[in-house]
């Protein structure tokens, strides 16, 4: 995902889903706060901030979850 899309999500306050593995329980859902070349900062609904690798799949939380184990 490029910086322009991330910035649009941040400005709009769009909820995203970070899919880390096959288990939906391990997803991080929240709003994009900040990012750099390697990591994303996501604010979860409980207001805690989570730092995740930028290499994970980023999806809109409003869409159905998709997992591919490539």
PDB file of N, CA and C in Angstrom:
ATOM      1  N   UNK A   1       0.847  -1.170   0.000  1.00  0.00           N
ATOM      2  CA  UNK A   1       0.000   0.000   0.000  1.00  0.00           C
ATOM      3  C   UNK A   1       0.896   1.238   0.000  1.00  0.00           C
ATOM      4  N   UNK A   2       0.566   2.189  -0.837  1.00  0.00           N
ATOM      5  CA  UNK A   2       1.434   3.368  -0.956  1.00  0.00           C
ATOM      6  C   UNK A   2       1.068   4.449   0.065  1.00  0.00           C
ATOM      7  N   UNK A   3       1.934   5.447   0.181  1.00  0.00           N
ATOM      8  CA  UNK A   3       1.761   6.505   1.175  1.00  0.00           C
ATOM      9  C   UNK A   3       0.507   7.338   0.941  1.00  0.00           C
ATOM     10  N   UNK A   4       0.132   7.548  -0.312  1.00  0.00           N
ATOM     11  CA  UNK A   4      -1.054   8.349  -0.612  1.00  0.00           C
ATOM     12  C   UNK A   4      -2.326   7.673  -0.086  1.00  0.00           C
ATOM     13  N   UNK A   5      -2.419   6.344  -0.273  1.00  0.00           N
ATOM     14  CA  UNK A   5      -3.582   5.614   0.238  1.00  0.00           C
ATOM     15  C   UNK A   5      -3.610   5.648   1.765  1.00  0.00           C
ATOM     16  N   UNK A   6      -2.460   5.436   2.393  1.00  0.00           N
ATOM     17  CA  UNK A   6      -2.395   5.474   3.853  1.00  0.00           C
ATOM     18  C   UNK A   6      -2.790   6.852   4.374  1.00  0.00           C
ATOM     19  N   UNK A   7      -2.335   7.907   3.713  1.00  0.00           N
ATOM     20  CA  UNK A   7      -2.675   9.254   4.146  1.00  0.00           C
ATOM     21  C   UNK A   7      -4.174   9.510   3.992  1.00  0.00           C
ATOM     22  N   UNK A   8      -4.766   9.017   2.929  1.00  0.00           N
ATOM     23  CA  UNK A   8      -6.207   9.184   2.733  1.00  0.00           C
ATOM     24  C   UNK A   8      -6.985   8.459   3.831  1.00  0.00           C
ATOM     25  N   UNK A   9      -6.563   7.258   4.180  1.00  0.00           N
ATOM     26  CA  UNK A   9      -7.197   6.519   5.278  1.00  0.00           C
ATOM     27  C   UNK A   9      -7.059   7.278   6.592  1.00  0.00           C
ATOM     28  N   UNK A  10      -5.882   7.868   6.828  1.00  0.00           N
ATOM     29  CA  UNK A  10      -5.634   8.620   8.058  1.00  0.00           C
ATOM     30  C   UNK A  10      -6.528   9.854   8.124  1.00  0.00           C
ATOM     31  N   UNK A  11      -6.583  10.614   7.048  1.00  0.00           N
ATOM     32  CA  UNK A  11      -7.370  11.848   7.020  1.00  0.00           C
ATOM     33  C   UNK A  11      -8.860  11.554   7.173  1.00  0.00           C
ATOM     34  N   UNK A  12      -9.341  10.522   6.479  1.00  0.00           N
ATOM     35  CA  UNK A  12     -10.759  10.168   6.528  1.00  0.00           C
ATOM     36  C   UNK A  12     -11.144   9.433   7.807  1.00  0.00           C
ATOM     37  N   UNK A  13     -10.169   8.898   8.539  1.00  0.00           N
ATOM     38  CA  UNK A  13     -10.463   8.115   9.739  1.00  0.00           C
ATOM     39  C   UNK A  13     -11.045   6.758   9.407  1.00  0.00           C
ATOM     40  N   UNK A  14     -10.641   6.198   8.263  1.00  0.00           N
ATOM     41  CA  UNK A  14     -11.149   4.915   7.801  1.00  0.00           C
ATOM     42  C   UNK A  14     -10.557   3.774   8.614  1.00  0.00           C
ATOM     43  N   UNK A  15     -11.405   2.859   9.081  1.00  0.00           N
ATOM     44  CA  UNK A  15     -10.915   1.690   9.802  1.00  0.00           C
ATOM     45  C   UNK A  15     -10.309   0.698   8.821  1.00  0.00           C
ATOM     46  N   UNK A  16      -9.142   0.186   9.182  1.00  0.00           N
ATOM     47  CA  UNK A  16      -8.467  -0.817   8.361  1.00  0.00           C
ATOM     48  C   UNK A  16      -8.258  -2.078   9.187  1.00  0.00           C
ATOM     49  N   UNK A  17      -7.995  -3.168   8.484  1.00  0.00           N
ATOM     50  CA  UNK A  17      -7.718  -4.459   9.111  1.00  0.00           C
ATOM     51  C   UNK A  17      -6.321  -4.893   8.654  1.00  0.00           C
ATOM     52  N   UNK A  18      -5.448  -5.194   9.593  1.00  0.00           N
ATOM     53  CA  UNK A  18      -4.121  -5.729   9.305  1.00  0.00           C
ATOM     54  C   UNK A  18      -4.205  -7.233   9.496  1.00  0.00           C
ATOM     55  N   UNK A  19      -4.072  -7.981   8.407  1.00  0.00           N
ATOM     56  CA  UNK A  19      -4.179  -9.444   8.442  1.00  0.00           C
ATOM     57  C   UNK A  19      -2.771 -10.010   8.595  1.00  0.00           C
ATOM     58  N   UNK A  20      -2.494 -10.553   9.782  1.00  0.00           N
ATOM     59  CA  UNK A  20      -1.146 -11.042  10.052  1.00  0.00           C
ATOM     60  C   UNK A  20      -0.966 -12.522   9.781  1.00  0.00           C
ATOM     61  N   UNK A  21      -2.032 -13.314   9.933  1.00  0.00           N
ATOM     62  CA  UNK A  21      -1.946 -14.750   9.662  1.00  0.00           C
ATOM     63  C   UNK A  21      -3.344 -15.296   9.414  1.00  0.00           C
ATOM     64  N   UNK A  22      -3.486 -16.602   9.390  1.00  0.00           N
ATOM     65  CA  UNK A  22      -4.757 -17.240   9.043  1.00  0.00           C
ATOM     66  C   UNK A  22      -5.840 -17.036  10.111  1.00  0.00           C
ATOM     67  N   UNK A  23      -5.457 -16.762  11.338  1.00  0.00           N
ATOM     68  CA  UNK A  23      -6.428 -16.610  12.421  1.00  0.00           C
ATOM     69  C   UNK A  23      -6.970 -15.184  12.479  1.00  0.00           C
ATOM     70  N   UNK A  24      -8.268 -15.064  12.365  1.00  0.00           N
ATOM     71  CA  UNK A  24      -8.896 -13.742  12.417  1.00  0.00           C
ATOM     72  C   UNK A  24      -8.689 -13.086  13.785  1.00  0.00           C
ATOM     73  N   UNK A  25      -8.520 -13.896  14.801  1.00  0.00           N
ATOM     74  CA  UNK A  25      -8.279 -13.405  16.154  1.00  0.00           C
ATOM     75  C   UNK A  25      -7.014 -12.548  16.241  1.00  0.00           C
ATOM     76  N   UNK A  26      -6.038 -12.810  15.375  1.00  0.00           N
ATOM     77  CA  UNK A  26      -4.763 -12.089  15.399  1.00  0.00           C
ATOM     78  C   UNK A  26      -4.747 -10.819  14.549  1.00  0.00           C
ATOM     79  N   UNK A  27      -5.873 -10.490  13.923  1.00  0.00           N
ATOM     80  CA  UNK A  27      -5.948  -9.269  13.117  1.00  0.00           C
ATOM     81  C   UNK A  27      -5.885  -8.039  14.018  1.00  0.00           C
ATOM     82  N   UNK A  28      -5.368  -6.956  13.476  1.00  0.00           N
ATOM     83  CA  UNK A  28      -5.386  -5.666  14.158  1.00  0.00           C
ATOM     84  C   UNK A  28      -6.345  -4.774  13.378  1.00  0.00           C
ATOM     85  N   UNK A  29      -7.391  -4.295  14.050  1.00  0.00           N
ATOM     86  CA  UNK A  29      -8.374  -3.431  13.408  1.00  0.00           C
ATOM     87  C   UNK A  29      -8.317  -2.079  14.090  1.00  0.00           C
ATOM     88  N   UNK A  30      -8.217  -1.025  13.280  1.00  0.00           N
ATOM     89  CA  UNK A  30      -8.175   0.315  13.834  1.00  0.00           C
ATOM     90  C   UNK A  30      -7.934   1.355  12.763  1.00  0.00           C
ATOM     91  N   UNK A  31      -7.534   2.527  13.194  1.00  0.00           N
ATOM     92  CA  UNK A  31      -7.331   3.676  12.312  1.00  0.00           C
ATOM     93  C   UNK A  31      -5.835   3.927  12.167  1.00  0.00           C
ATOM     94  N   UNK A  32      -5.400   4.210  10.944  1.00  0.00           N
ATOM     95  CA  UNK A  32      -3.995   4.510  10.681  1.00  0.00           C
ATOM     96  C   UNK A  32      -3.656   5.850  11.330  1.00  0.00           C
ATOM     97  N   UNK A  33      -2.575   5.854  12.121  1.00  0.00           N
ATOM     98  CA  UNK A  33      -2.137   7.065  12.802  1.00  0.00           C
ATOM     99  C   UNK A  33      -0.872   7.613  12.142  1.00  0.00           C
ATOM    100  N   UNK A  34       0.094   6.740  11.894  1.00  0.00           N
ATOM    101  CA  UNK A  34       1.370   7.157  11.313  1.00  0.00           C
ATOM    102  C   UNK A  34       2.039   5.948  10.675  1.00  0.00           C
ATOM    103  N   UNK A  35       3.094   6.207   9.901  1.00  0.00           N
ATOM    104  CA  UNK A  35       3.819   5.130   9.240  1.00  0.00           C
ATOM    105  C   UNK A  35       5.191   5.624   8.805  1.00  0.00           C
ATOM    106  N   UNK A  36       6.072   4.657   8.564  1.00  0.00           N
ATOM    107  CA  UNK A  36       7.355   4.928   7.927  1.00  0.00           C
ATOM    108  C   UNK A  36       7.599   3.823   6.914  1.00  0.00           C
ATOM    109  N   UNK A  37       8.812   3.660   6.467  1.00  0.00           N
ATOM    110  CA  UNK A  37       9.101   2.665   5.435  1.00  0.00           C
ATOM    111  C   UNK A  37       8.878   1.235   5.905  1.00  0.00           C
ATOM    112  N   UNK A  38       8.979   0.986   7.212  1.00  0.00           N
ATOM    113  CA  UNK A  38       8.941  -0.367   7.739  1.00  0.00           C
ATOM    114  C   UNK A  38       7.712  -0.694   8.588  1.00  0.00           C
ATOM    115  N   UNK A  39       7.097   0.315   9.219  1.00  0.00           N
ATOM    116  CA  UNK A  39       6.059   0.029  10.200  1.00  0.00           C
ATOM    117  C   UNK A  39       4.861   0.957  10.059  1.00  0.00           C
ATOM    118  N   UNK A  40       3.735   0.494  10.603  1.00  0.00           N
ATOM    119  CA  UNK A  40       2.500   1.276  10.691  1.00  0.00           C
ATOM    120  C   UNK A  40       2.120   1.435  12.155  1.00  0.00           C
ATOM    121  N   UNK A  41       1.516   2.542  12.503  1.00  0.00           N
ATOM    122  CA  UNK A  41       0.952   2.754  13.833  1.00  0.00           C
ATOM    123  C   UNK A  41      -0.563   2.763  13.670  1.00  0.00           C
ATOM    124  N   UNK A  42      -1.242   1.838  14.348  1.00  0.00           N
ATOM    125  CA  UNK A  42      -2.689   1.689  14.249  1.00  0.00           C
ATOM    126  C   UNK A  42      -3.308   1.953  15.620  1.00  0.00           C
ATOM    127  N   UNK A  43      -4.310   2.836  15.669  1.00  0.00           N
ATOM    128  CA  UNK A  43      -5.034   3.087  16.930  1.00  0.00           C
ATOM    129  C   UNK A  43      -6.250   2.180  16.964  1.00  0.00           C
ATOM    130  N   UNK A  44      -6.260   1.296  17.938  1.00  0.00           N
ATOM    131  CA  UNK A  44      -7.363   0.343  18.098  1.00  0.00           C
ATOM    132  C   UNK A  44      -8.557   1.032  18.758  1.00  0.00           C
ATOM    133  N   UNK A  45      -9.755   0.397  18.722  1.00  0.00           N
ATOM    134  CA  UNK A  45     -10.948   1.003  19.331  1.00  0.00           C
ATOM    135  C   UNK A  45     -10.790   1.325  20.821  1.00  0.00           C
ATOM    136  N   UNK A  46      -9.959   0.568  21.536  1.00  0.00           N
ATOM    137  CA  UNK A  46      -9.754   0.839  22.957  1.00  0.00           C
ATOM    138  C   UNK A  46      -8.711   1.943  23.190  1.00  0.00           C
ATOM    139  N   UNK A  47      -8.338   2.647  22.104  1.00  0.00           N
ATOM    140  CA  UNK A  47      -7.415   3.784  22.100  1.00  0.00           C
ATOM    141  C   UNK A  47      -5.955   3.402  22.311  1.00  0.00           C
ATOM    142  N   UNK A  48      -5.655   2.134  22.404  1.00  0.00           N
ATOM    143  CA  UNK A  48      -4.261   1.715  22.460  1.00  0.00           C
ATOM    144  C   UNK A  48      -3.674   1.752  21.057  1.00  0.00           C
ATOM    145  N   UNK A  49      -2.388   2.021  20.975  1.00  0.00           N
ATOM    146  CA  UNK A  49      -1.714   2.109  19.688  1.00  0.00           C
ATOM    147  C   UNK A  49      -0.857   0.861  19.505  1.00  0.00           C
ATOM    148  N   UNK A  50      -0.933   0.267  18.315  1.00  0.00           N
ATOM    149  CA  UNK A  50      -0.189  -0.943  17.996  1.00  0.00           C
ATOM    150  C   UNK A  50       0.734  -0.656  16.827  1.00  0.00           C
ATOM    151  N   UNK A  51       1.970  -1.110  16.940  1.00  0.00           N
ATOM    152  CA  UNK A  51       2.934  -0.967  15.860  1.00  0.00           C
ATOM    153  C   UNK A  51       3.043  -2.307  15.133  1.00  0.00           C
ATOM    154  N   UNK A  52       2.813  -2.309  13.805  1.00  0.00           N
ATOM    155  CA  UNK A  52       2.874  -3.535  13.012  1.00  0.00           C
ATOM    156  C   UNK A  52       3.771  -3.322  11.796  1.00  0.00           C
ATOM    157  N   UNK A  53       4.289  -4.422  11.277  1.00  0.00           N
ATOM    158  CA  UNK A  53       5.116  -4.350  10.082  1.00  0.00           C
ATOM    159  C   UNK A  53       4.280  -3.951   8.882  1.00  0.00           C
ATOM    160  N   UNK A  54       4.863  -3.192   8.016  1.00  0.00           N
ATOM    161  CA  UNK A  54       4.147  -2.702   6.844  1.00  0.00           C
ATOM    162  C   UNK A  54       3.957  -3.792   5.783  1.00  0.00           C
ATOM    163  N   UNK A  55       4.637  -4.897   5.898  1.00  0.00           N
ATOM    164  CA  UNK A  55       4.536  -5.983   4.944  1.00  0.00           C
ATOM    165  C   UNK A  55       3.258  -6.800   5.050  1.00  0.00           C
ATOM    166  N   UNK A  56       2.505  -6.647   6.133  1.00  0.00           N
ATOM    167  CA  UNK A  56       1.248  -7.385   6.294  1.00  0.00           C
ATOM    168  C   UNK A  56       0.192  -6.851   5.337  1.00  0.00           C
ATOM    169  N   UNK A  57      -0.819  -7.685   5.062  1.00  0.00           N
ATOM    170  CA  UNK A  57      -1.938  -7.266   4.222  1.00  0.00           C
ATOM    171  C   UNK A  57      -2.752  -6.202   4.952  1.00  0.00           C
ATOM    172  N   UNK A  58      -3.081  -5.135   4.236  1.00  0.00           N
ATOM    173  CA  UNK A  58      -3.900  -4.063   4.779  1.00  0.00           C
ATOM    174  C   UNK A  58      -5.203  -4.053   3.987  1.00  0.00           C
ATOM    175  N   UNK A  59      -6.313  -4.200   4.698  1.00  0.00           N
ATOM    176  CA  UNK A  59      -7.626  -4.246   4.061  1.00  0.00           C
ATOM    177  C   UNK A  59      -8.561  -3.287   4.771  1.00  0.00           C
ATOM    178  N   UNK A  60      -9.601  -2.870   4.085  1.00  0.00           N
ATOM    179  CA  UNK A  60     -10.628  -2.060   4.729  1.00  0.00           C
ATOM    180  C   UNK A  60     -11.403  -2.943   5.703  1.00  0.00           C
ATOM    181  N   UNK A  61     -11.655  -2.451   6.894  1.00  0.00           N
ATOM    182  CA  UNK A  61     -12.378  -3.234   7.900  1.00  0.00           C
ATOM    183  C   UNK A  61     -13.833  -3.436   7.502  1.00  0.00           C
ATOM    184  N   UNK A  62     -14.358  -2.581   6.648  1.00  0.00           N
ATOM    185  CA  UNK A  62     -15.753  -2.686   6.233  1.00  0.00           C
ATOM    186  C   UNK A  62     -15.971  -3.785   5.198  1.00  0.00           C
ATOM    187  N   UNK A  63     -14.895  -4.296   4.601  1.00  0.00           N
ATOM    188  CA  UNK A  63     -14.999  -5.351   3.601  1.00  0.00           C
ATOM    189  C   UNK A  63     -14.752  -6.711   4.246  1.00  0.00           C
ATOM    190  N   UNK A  64     -15.213  -7.801   3.609  1.00  0.00           N
ATOM    191  CA  UNK A  64     -14.960  -9.132   4.167  1.00  0.00           C
ATOM    192  C   UNK A  64     -13.458  -9.437   4.226  1.00  0.00           C
ATOM    193  N   UNK A  65     -13.079 -10.166   5.260  1.00  0.00           N
ATOM    194  CA  UNK A  65     -11.670 -10.526   5.451  1.00  0.00           C
ATOM    195  C   UNK A  65     -11.219 -11.501   4.375  1.00  0.00           C
ATOM    196  N   UNK A  66     -10.003 -11.264   3.856  1.00  0.00           N
ATOM    197  CA  UNK A  66      -9.412 -12.165   2.875  1.00  0.00           C
ATOM    198  C   UNK A  66      -8.040 -12.584   3.371  1.00  0.00           C
ATOM    199  N   UNK A  67      -7.745 -13.870   3.247  1.00  0.00           N
ATOM    200  CA  UNK A  67      -6.456 -14.418   3.667  1.00  0.00           C
ATOM    201  C   UNK A  67      -5.865 -15.208   2.529  1.00  0.00           C
ATOM    202  N   UNK A  68      -4.627 -14.923   2.209  1.00  0.00           N
ATOM    203  CA  UNK A  68      -3.887 -15.737   1.239  1.00  0.00           C
ATOM    204  C   UNK A  68      -2.545 -16.070   1.859  1.00  0.00           C
ATOM    205  N   UNK A  69      -2.177 -17.321   1.859  1.00  0.00           N
ATOM    206  CA  UNK A  69      -0.953 -17.787   2.539  1.00  0.00           C
ATOM    207  C   UNK A  69       0.239 -17.855   1.594  1.00  0.00           C
ATOM    208  N   UNK A  70       0.432 -16.869   0.786  1.00  0.00           N
ATOM    209  CA  UNK A  70       1.549 -16.866  -0.175  1.00  0.00           C
ATOM    210  C   UNK A  70       2.854 -16.545   0.491  1.00  0.00           C
TER     211      UNK A  70
END
